[in-house]
Amino acid sequence: MIQPIPAAPARPPLPRQDIETLVSRHGLWRVLRALAAVVVRPKRRPALPEAHRLSEHLRRDIGIAHDPPPRRYWEL
């Protein structure tokens, strides 16, 4: 049996009303300045994993010195 192709999902409406509300409350220049600040702002880089949370195998692979094994209480 041939399945009908589903229709493409409808696009969400443009936020025209929201933008007009912002412009009426704060003024065109403030809205444009805030938009420019968002566009120019550098992207945040994801945080690197902390070395102590990596497994010994991964630490050895990337060249991080491994922690010495903990001392046993009878070796003190």
Protein backbone atom coordinates (compact mmCIF):
# COMPACT_ATOMS: atom_id res chain seq x y z
CA MET A 1 0.00 0.00 0.00
CA ILE A 2 1.29 3.45 -0.86
CA GLN A 3 1.57 5.81 2.09
CA PRO A 4 0.61 9.45 1.49
CA ILE A 5 3.39 11.96 2.05
CA PRO A 6 2.63 14.08 5.10
CA ALA A 7 2.34 17.81 4.55
CA ALA A 8 5.30 19.96 5.52
CA PRO A 9 4.97 21.44 9.00
CA ALA A 10 3.66 24.97 9.08
CA ARG A 11 6.22 27.69 9.77
CA PRO A 12 5.89 29.45 13.08
CA PRO A 13 4.49 32.97 12.77
CA LEU A 14 6.95 35.82 12.63
CA PRO A 15 7.36 37.66 15.93
CA ARG A 16 6.16 40.91 14.40
CA GLN A 17 3.73 41.72 17.19
CA ASP A 18 6.39 41.06 19.83
CA ILE A 19 8.89 43.30 18.06
CA GLU A 20 6.33 46.06 17.68
CA THR A 21 5.56 45.82 21.41
CA LEU A 22 9.26 46.11 22.25
CA VAL A 23 9.69 49.11 19.95
CA SER A 24 6.64 50.86 21.39
CA ARG A 25 7.84 50.31 24.98
CA HIS A 26 11.56 51.01 24.60
CA GLY A 27 12.02 52.87 21.33
CA LEU A 28 13.51 51.83 18.03
CA TRP A 29 17.12 52.77 18.80
CA ARG A 30 17.24 50.83 22.07
CA VAL A 31 15.78 47.74 20.41
CA LEU A 32 18.26 48.00 17.52
CA ARG A 33 21.16 48.53 19.92
CA ALA A 34 20.15 45.47 21.97
CA LEU A 35 19.83 43.40 18.79
CA ALA A 36 23.26 44.53 17.60
CA ALA A 37 24.74 43.65 21.01
CA VAL A 38 23.34 40.13 20.77
CA VAL A 39 24.65 39.65 17.24
CA VAL A 40 28.15 40.94 18.07
CA ARG A 41 28.46 39.15 21.44
CA PRO A 42 30.98 36.30 21.28
CA LYS A 43 29.61 32.79 21.56
CA ARG A 44 30.19 31.04 24.87
CA ARG A 45 32.45 28.04 24.55
CA PRO A 46 31.36 24.90 26.34
CA ALA A 47 33.24 24.22 29.54
CA LEU A 48 36.06 21.74 29.26
CA PRO A 49 35.78 18.64 31.41
CA GLU A 50 37.78 18.80 34.59
CA ALA A 51 40.83 16.58 34.45
CA HIS A 52 40.11 14.80 37.72
CA ARG A 53 36.76 13.61 36.35
CA LEU A 54 38.30 11.89 33.34
CA SER A 55 39.11 8.22 33.50
CA GLU A 56 42.74 7.13 33.77
CA HIS A 57 42.55 5.75 30.24
CA LEU A 58 41.49 9.11 28.74
CA ARG A 59 44.00 11.02 30.83
CA ARG A 60 46.81 8.78 29.60
CA ASP A 61 45.63 9.15 25.98
CA ILE A 62 45.74 12.95 26.03
CA GLY A 63 49.01 13.11 27.96
CA ILE A 64 47.88 14.22 31.39
CA ALA A 65 49.96 12.74 34.18
CA HIS A 66 48.01 10.23 36.16
CA ASP A 67 47.47 10.53 39.89
CA PRO A 68 49.54 8.18 41.96
CA PRO A 69 47.50 5.45 43.62
CA PRO A 70 46.35 6.40 47.12
CA ARG A 71 48.50 5.16 49.96
CA ARG A 72 47.18 2.29 51.97
CA TYR A 73 46.75 2.82 55.65
CA TRP A 74 49.24 0.04 56.49
CA GLU A 75 51.97 1.80 54.46
CA LEU A 76 51.96 4.88 56.66
